[in-house]
PDB file of all heavy atoms in Angstrom:
ATOM      1  N   GLU A   1       0.844  -1.184   0.000  1.00  0.00           N
ATOM      2  CA  GLU A   1       0.000   0.000   0.000  1.00  0.00           C
ATOM      3  C   GLU A   1       0.885   1.242   0.000  1.00  0.00           C
ATOM      4  O   GLU A   1       2.022   1.223   0.469  1.00  0.00           O
ATOM      5  CB  GLU A   1      -0.914   0.011   1.227  1.00  0.00           C
ATOM      6  CG  GLU A   1      -2.060  -0.970   1.157  1.00  0.00           C
ATOM      7  CD  GLU A   1      -3.046  -0.775   2.294  1.00  0.00           C
ATOM      8  OE1 GLU A   1      -3.107   0.328   2.842  1.00  0.00           O
ATOM      9  OE2 GLU A   1      -3.734  -1.739   2.634  1.00  0.00           O
ATOM     10  N   THR A   2       0.339   2.313  -0.529  1.00  0.00           N
ATOM     11  CA  THR A   2       1.087   3.564  -0.626  1.00  0.00           C
ATOM     12  C   THR A   2       0.547   4.586   0.365  1.00  0.00           C
ATOM     13  O   THR A   2      -0.665   4.722   0.530  1.00  0.00           O
ATOM     14  CB  THR A   2       0.988   4.141  -2.056  1.00  0.00           C
ATOM     15  OG1 THR A   2       1.566   3.207  -2.969  1.00  0.00           O
ATOM     16  CG2 THR A   2       1.721   5.468  -2.158  1.00  0.00           C
ATOM     17  N   ILE A   3       1.447   5.284   1.027  1.00  0.00           N
ATOM     18  CA  ILE A   3       1.096   6.389   1.905  1.00  0.00           C
ATOM     19  C   ILE A   3       1.537   7.679   1.233  1.00  0.00           C
ATOM     20  O   ILE A   3       2.683   7.799   0.788  1.00  0.00           O
ATOM     21  CB  ILE A   3       1.798   6.257   3.275  1.00  0.00           C
ATOM     22  CG1 ILE A   3       1.198   5.115   4.089  1.00  0.00           C
ATOM     23  CG2 ILE A   3       1.706   7.563   4.065  1.00  0.00           C
ATOM     24  CD1 ILE A   3      -0.227   5.353   4.552  1.00  0.00           C
ATOM     25  N   VAL A   4       0.634   8.648   1.150  1.00  0.00           N
ATOM     26  CA  VAL A   4       0.960   9.948   0.558  1.00  0.00           C
ATOM     27  C   VAL A   4       1.113  10.969   1.677  1.00  0.00           C
ATOM     28  O   VAL A   4       0.172  11.228   2.429  1.00  0.00           O
ATOM     29  CB  VAL A   4      -0.120  10.403  -0.446  1.00  0.00           C
ATOM     30  CG1 VAL A   4       0.278  11.739  -1.074  1.00  0.00           C
ATOM     31  CG2 VAL A   4      -0.337   9.343  -1.520  1.00  0.00           C
ATOM     32  N   VAL A   5       2.314  11.524   1.786  1.00  0.00           N
ATOM     33  CA  VAL A   5       2.640  12.480   2.841  1.00  0.00           C
ATOM     34  C   VAL A   5       2.594  13.895   2.271  1.00  0.00           C
ATOM     35  O   VAL A   5       3.320  14.215   1.323  1.00  0.00           O
ATOM     36  CB  VAL A   5       4.046  12.203   3.416  1.00  0.00           C
ATOM     37  CG1 VAL A   5       4.433  13.263   4.444  1.00  0.00           C
ATOM     38  CG2 VAL A   5       4.101  10.813   4.034  1.00  0.00           C
ATOM     39  N   GLY A   6       1.759  14.761   2.825  1.00  0.00           N
ATOM     40  CA  GLY A   6       1.664  16.147   2.397  1.00  0.00           C
ATOM     41  C   GLY A   6       2.733  16.993   3.065  1.00  0.00           C
ATOM     42  O   GLY A   6       2.943  16.895   4.275  1.00  0.00           O
ATOM     43  N   TYR A   7       3.401  17.831   2.274  1.00  0.00           N
ATOM     44  CA  TYR A   7       4.475  18.668   2.822  1.00  0.00           C
ATOM     45  C   TYR A   7       4.569  19.981   2.051  1.00  0.00           C
ATOM     46  O   TYR A   7       3.997  20.134   0.967  1.00  0.00           O
ATOM     47  CB  TYR A   7       5.820  17.939   2.731  1.00  0.00           C
ATOM     48  CG  TYR A   7       6.410  17.934   1.332  1.00  0.00           C
ATOM     49  CD1 TYR A   7       7.379  18.863   0.955  1.00  0.00           C
ATOM     50  CD2 TYR A   7       5.973  17.024   0.361  1.00  0.00           C
ATOM     51  CE1 TYR A   7       7.892  18.888  -0.338  1.00  0.00           C
ATOM     52  CE2 TYR A   7       6.485  17.039  -0.917  1.00  0.00           C
ATOM     53  CZ  TYR A   7       7.450  17.975  -1.273  1.00  0.00           C
ATOM     54  OH  TYR A   7       7.947  18.008  -2.534  1.00  0.00           O
ATOM     55  N   THR A   8       5.297  20.936   2.606  1.00  0.00           N
ATOM     56  CA  THR A   8       5.722  22.135   1.887  1.00  0.00           C
ATOM     57  C   THR A   8       7.241  22.229   2.030  1.00  0.00           C
ATOM     58  O   THR A   8       7.832  21.604   2.911  1.00  0.00           O
ATOM     59  CB  THR A   8       5.081  23.415   2.447  1.00  0.00           C
ATOM     60  OG1 THR A   8       5.490  23.592   3.816  1.00  0.00           O
ATOM     61  CG2 THR A   8       3.556  23.350   2.385  1.00  0.00           C
ATOM     62  N   ILE A   9       7.882  23.009   1.179  1.00  0.00           N
ATOM     63  CA  ILE A   9       9.328  23.187   1.260  1.00  0.00           C
ATOM     64  C   ILE A   9       9.653  24.016   2.498  1.00  0.00           C
ATOM     65  O   ILE A   9       9.202  25.153   2.638  1.00  0.00           O
ATOM     66  CB  ILE A   9       9.882  23.873   0.000  1.00  0.00           C
ATOM     67  CG1 ILE A   9       9.680  22.959  -1.219  1.00  0.00           C
ATOM     68  CG2 ILE A   9      11.351  24.220   0.169  1.00  0.00           C
ATOM     69  CD1 ILE A   9      10.453  21.650  -1.145  1.00  0.00           C
ATOM     70  N   TYR A  10      10.432  23.426   3.386  1.00  0.00           N
ATOM     71  CA  TYR A  10      10.668  24.032   4.692  1.00  0.00           C
ATOM     72  C   TYR A  10      11.935  23.439   5.301  1.00  0.00           C
ATOM     73  O   TYR A  10      11.920  22.377   5.900  1.00  0.00           O
ATOM     74  CB  TYR A  10       9.421  23.762   5.563  1.00  0.00           C
ATOM     75  CG  TYR A  10       9.480  24.116   7.021  1.00  0.00           C
ATOM     76  CD1 TYR A  10      10.525  24.840   7.570  1.00  0.00           C
ATOM     77  CD2 TYR A  10       8.464  23.710   7.869  1.00  0.00           C
ATOM     78  CE1 TYR A  10      10.562  25.153   8.916  1.00  0.00           C
ATOM     79  CE2 TYR A  10       8.476  24.019   9.219  1.00  0.00           C
ATOM     80  CZ  TYR A  10       9.541  24.737   9.729  1.00  0.00           C
ATOM     81  OH  TYR A  10       9.577  25.039  11.067  1.00  0.00           O
ATOM     82  N   ASP A  11      13.052  24.095   5.084  1.00  0.00           N
ATOM     83  CA  ASP A  11      14.329  23.690   5.658  1.00  0.00           C
ATOM     84  C   ASP A  11      14.300  23.999   7.163  1.00  0.00           C
ATOM     85  O   ASP A  11      13.926  25.109   7.555  1.00  0.00           O
ATOM     86  CB  ASP A  11      15.429  24.513   4.968  1.00  0.00           C
ATOM     87  CG  ASP A  11      16.845  24.136   5.347  1.00  0.00           C
ATOM     88  OD1 ASP A  11      17.013  23.380   6.321  1.00  0.00           O
ATOM     89  OD2 ASP A  11      17.776  24.608   4.682  1.00  0.00           O
ATOM     90  N   PRO A  12      14.605  23.020   8.032  1.00  0.00           N
ATOM     91  CA  PRO A  12      15.266  21.732   7.802  1.00  0.00           C
ATOM     92  C   PRO A  12      14.316  20.540   7.816  1.00  0.00           C
ATOM     93  O   PRO A  12      14.760  19.416   7.976  1.00  0.00           O
ATOM     94  CB  PRO A  12      16.198  21.654   9.012  1.00  0.00           C
ATOM     95  CG  PRO A  12      15.390  22.257  10.129  1.00  0.00           C
ATOM     96  CD  PRO A  12      14.605  23.372   9.482  1.00  0.00           C
ATOM     97  N   MET A  13      13.010  20.783   7.646  1.00  0.00           N
ATOM     98  CA  MET A  13      12.039  19.693   7.768  1.00  0.00           C
ATOM     99  C   MET A  13      11.856  18.932   6.453  1.00  0.00           C
ATOM    100  O   MET A  13      11.950  17.708   6.416  1.00  0.00           O
ATOM    101  CB  MET A  13      10.690  20.235   8.263  1.00  0.00           C
ATOM    102  CG  MET A  13      10.790  21.168   9.483  1.00  0.00           C
ATOM    103  SD  MET A  13      11.814  20.545  10.828  1.00  0.00           S
ATOM    104  CE  MET A  13      10.739  19.317  11.518  1.00  0.00           C
ATOM    105  N   ASN A  14      11.557  19.643   5.384  1.00  0.00           N
ATOM    106  CA  ASN A  14      11.409  19.038   4.052  1.00  0.00           C
ATOM    107  C   ASN A  14      11.967  20.027   3.033  1.00  0.00           C
ATOM    108  O   ASN A  14      11.398  21.111   2.861  1.00  0.00           O
ATOM    109  CB  ASN A  14       9.946  18.765   3.707  1.00  0.00           C
ATOM    110  CG  ASN A  14       9.179  18.014   4.772  1.00  0.00           C
ATOM    111  OD1 ASN A  14       8.737  18.614   5.743  1.00  0.00           O
ATOM    112  ND2 ASN A  14       8.998  16.727   4.586  1.00  0.00           N
ATOM    113  N   TYR A  15      13.036  19.670   2.340  1.00  0.00           N
ATOM    114  CA  TYR A  15      13.598  20.586   1.352  1.00  0.00           C
ATOM    115  C   TYR A  15      14.427  19.802   0.334  1.00  0.00           C
ATOM    116  O   TYR A  15      14.673  18.608   0.506  1.00  0.00           O
ATOM    117  CB  TYR A  15      14.438  21.676   2.015  1.00  0.00           C
ATOM    118  CG  TYR A  15      15.656  21.184   2.766  1.00  0.00           C
ATOM    119  CD1 TYR A  15      16.926  21.277   2.203  1.00  0.00           C
ATOM    120  CD2 TYR A  15      15.548  20.634   4.040  1.00  0.00           C
ATOM    121  CE1 TYR A  15      18.056  20.832   2.886  1.00  0.00           C
ATOM    122  CE2 TYR A  15      16.667  20.186   4.738  1.00  0.00           C
ATOM    123  CZ  TYR A  15      17.914  20.289   4.149  1.00  0.00           C
ATOM    124  OH  TYR A  15      19.026  19.845   4.827  1.00  0.00           O
ATOM    125  N   LEU A  16      14.835  20.483  -0.747  1.00  0.00           N
ATOM    126  CA  LEU A  16      15.557  19.834  -1.828  1.00  0.00           C
ATOM    127  C   LEU A  16      17.061  20.058  -1.677  1.00  0.00           C
ATOM    128  O   LEU A  16      17.504  21.169  -1.401  1.00  0.00           O
ATOM    129  CB  LEU A  16      15.091  20.381  -3.182  1.00  0.00           C
ATOM    130  CG  LEU A  16      13.591  20.250  -3.486  1.00  0.00           C
ATOM    131  CD1 LEU A  16      13.274  20.904  -4.819  1.00  0.00           C
ATOM    132  CD2 LEU A  16      13.154  18.793  -3.488  1.00  0.00           C
ATOM    133  N   ASP A  17      17.829  18.978  -1.867  1.00  0.00           N
ATOM    134  CA  ASP A  17      19.279  19.124  -1.820  1.00  0.00           C
ATOM    135  C   ASP A  17      19.781  19.608  -3.176  1.00  0.00           C
ATOM    136  O   ASP A  17      18.994  19.918  -4.087  1.00  0.00           O
ATOM    137  CB  ASP A  17      19.954  17.818  -1.386  1.00  0.00           C
ATOM    138  CG  ASP A  17      19.780  16.685  -2.397  1.00  0.00           C
ATOM    139  OD1 ASP A  17      19.308  16.933  -3.533  1.00  0.00           O
ATOM    140  OD2 ASP A  17      20.113  15.535  -2.054  1.00  0.00           O
ATOM    141  N   GLU A  18      21.110  19.678  -3.346  1.00  0.00           N
ATOM    142  CA  GLU A  18      21.690  20.217  -4.577  1.00  0.00           C
ATOM    143  C   GLU A  18      21.371  19.357  -5.796  1.00  0.00           C
ATOM    144  O   GLU A  18      21.470  19.817  -6.946  1.00  0.00           O
ATOM    145  CB  GLU A  18      23.211  20.356  -4.433  1.00  0.00           C
ATOM    146  CG  GLU A  18      23.961  19.069  -4.151  1.00  0.00           C
ATOM    147  CD  GLU A  18      24.017  18.706  -2.676  1.00  0.00           C
ATOM    148  OE1 GLU A  18      23.309  19.360  -1.868  1.00  0.00           O
ATOM    149  OE2 GLU A  18      24.759  17.771  -2.317  1.00  0.00           O
ATOM    150  N   ASN A  19      20.942  18.133  -5.579  1.00  0.00           N
ATOM    151  CA  ASN A  19      20.577  17.244  -6.685  1.00  0.00           C
ATOM    152  C   ASN A  19      19.071  17.203  -6.936  1.00  0.00           C
ATOM    153  O   ASN A  19      18.593  16.421  -7.761  1.00  0.00           O
ATOM    154  CB  ASN A  19      21.077  15.828  -6.405  1.00  0.00           C
ATOM    155  CG  ASN A  19      22.589  15.759  -6.269  1.00  0.00           C
ATOM    156  OD1 ASN A  19      23.307  16.342  -7.070  1.00  0.00           O
ATOM    157  ND2 ASN A  19      23.069  15.069  -5.246  1.00  0.00           N
ATOM    158  N   GLY A  20      18.337  18.049  -6.195  1.00  0.00           N
ATOM    159  CA  GLY A  20      16.891  18.084  -6.372  1.00  0.00           C
ATOM    160  C   GLY A  20      16.159  16.982  -5.644  1.00  0.00           C
ATOM    161  O   GLY A  20      14.968  16.764  -5.876  1.00  0.00           O
ATOM    162  N   GLU A  21      16.861  16.282  -4.749  1.00  0.00           N
ATOM    163  CA  GLU A  21      16.234  15.200  -3.979  1.00  0.00           C
ATOM    164  C   GLU A  21      15.628  15.756  -2.697  1.00  0.00           C
ATOM    165  O   GLU A  21      16.236  16.585  -2.006  1.00  0.00           O
ATOM    166  CB  GLU A  21      17.272  14.140  -3.632  1.00  0.00           C
ATOM    167  CG  GLU A  21      16.699  12.959  -2.858  1.00  0.00           C
ATOM    168  CD  GLU A  21      17.752  11.921  -2.495  1.00  0.00           C
ATOM    169  OE1 GLU A  21      18.900  12.044  -2.967  1.00  0.00           O
ATOM    170  OE2 GLU A  21      17.421  10.994  -1.738  1.00  0.00           O
ATOM    171  N   LEU A  22      14.426  15.290  -2.365  1.00  0.00           N
ATOM    172  CA  LEU A  22      13.763  15.749  -1.151  1.00  0.00           C
ATOM    173  C   LEU A  22      14.422  15.117   0.068  1.00  0.00           C
ATOM    174  O   LEU A  22      14.504  13.890   0.183  1.00  0.00           O
ATOM    175  CB  LEU A  22      12.272  15.388  -1.189  1.00  0.00           C
ATOM    176  CG  LEU A  22      11.425  15.945  -0.033  1.00  0.00           C
ATOM    177  CD1 LEU A  22      11.330  17.462  -0.110  1.00  0.00           C
ATOM    178  CD2 LEU A  22      10.020  15.336  -0.046  1.00  0.00           C
ATOM    179  N   ILE A  23      14.882  15.973   0.972  1.00  0.00           N
ATOM    180  CA  ILE A  23      15.507  15.509   2.207  1.00  0.00           C
ATOM    181  C   ILE A  23      14.920  16.309   3.370  1.00  0.00           C
ATOM    182  O   ILE A  23      13.984  17.073   3.194  1.00  0.00           O
ATOM    183  CB  ILE A  23      17.050  15.667   2.170  1.00  0.00           C
ATOM    184  CG1 ILE A  23      17.424  17.147   1.979  1.00  0.00           C
ATOM    185  CG2 ILE A  23      17.653  14.807   1.071  1.00  0.00           C
ATOM    186  CD1 ILE A  23      18.913  17.416   2.106  1.00  0.00           C
ATOM    187  N   GLY A  24      15.479  16.141   4.561  1.00  0.00           N
ATOM    188  CA  GLY A  24      15.033  16.904   5.726  1.00  0.00           C
ATOM    189  C   GLY A  24      14.657  15.986   6.873  1.00  0.00           C
ATOM    190  O   GLY A  24      14.482  14.774   6.705  1.00  0.00           O
ATOM    191  N   TYR A  25      14.535  16.584   8.050  1.00  0.00           N
ATOM    192  CA  TYR A  25      14.224  15.807   9.250  1.00  0.00           C
ATOM    193  C   TYR A  25      12.875  15.114   9.116  1.00  0.00           C
ATOM    194  O   TYR A  25      12.754  13.907   9.358  1.00  0.00           O
ATOM    195  CB  TYR A  25      14.225  16.721  10.473  1.00  0.00           C
ATOM    196  CG  TYR A  25      13.954  15.985  11.766  1.00  0.00           C
ATOM    197  CD1 TYR A  25      14.947  15.213  12.362  1.00  0.00           C
ATOM    198  CD2 TYR A  25      12.706  16.040  12.386  1.00  0.00           C
ATOM    199  CE1 TYR A  25      14.707  14.511  13.539  1.00  0.00           C
ATOM    200  CE2 TYR A  25      12.453  15.351  13.563  1.00  0.00           C
ATOM    201  CZ  TYR A  25      13.460  14.591  14.137  1.00  0.00           C
ATOM    202  OH  TYR A  25      13.222  13.898  15.296  1.00  0.00           O
ATOM    203  N   ASP A  26      11.849  15.862   8.747  1.00  0.00           N
ATOM    204  CA  ASP A  26      10.521  15.252   8.592  1.00  0.00           C
ATOM    205  C   ASP A  26      10.513  14.220   7.479  1.00  0.00           C
ATOM    206  O   ASP A  26       9.876  13.168   7.590  1.00  0.00           O
ATOM    207  CB  ASP A  26       9.478  16.332   8.302  1.00  0.00           C
ATOM    208  CG  ASP A  26       8.958  17.001   9.561  1.00  0.00           C
ATOM    209  OD1 ASP A  26       9.361  16.600  10.663  1.00  0.00           O
ATOM    210  OD2 ASP A  26       8.143  17.941   9.447  1.00  0.00           O
ATOM    211  N   THR A  27      11.210  14.522   6.380  1.00  0.00           N
ATOM    212  CA  THR A  27      11.249  13.598   5.245  1.00  0.00           C
ATOM    213  C   THR A  27      11.821  12.248   5.656  1.00  0.00           C
ATOM    214  O   THR A  27      11.221  11.192   5.410  1.00  0.00           O
ATOM    215  CB  THR A  27      12.100  14.180   4.105  1.00  0.00           C
ATOM    216  OG1 THR A  27      11.581  15.462   3.727  1.00  0.00           O
ATOM    217  CG2 THR A  27      12.096  13.256   2.893  1.00  0.00           C
TER     218      THR A  27
END
């Protein structure tokens, strides 16, 4: 089953690294 997690861009919780990959504490 798939879980869809809603987020906004918010460093350091959910943000994109230099390669465009979503990272962060919440992620």
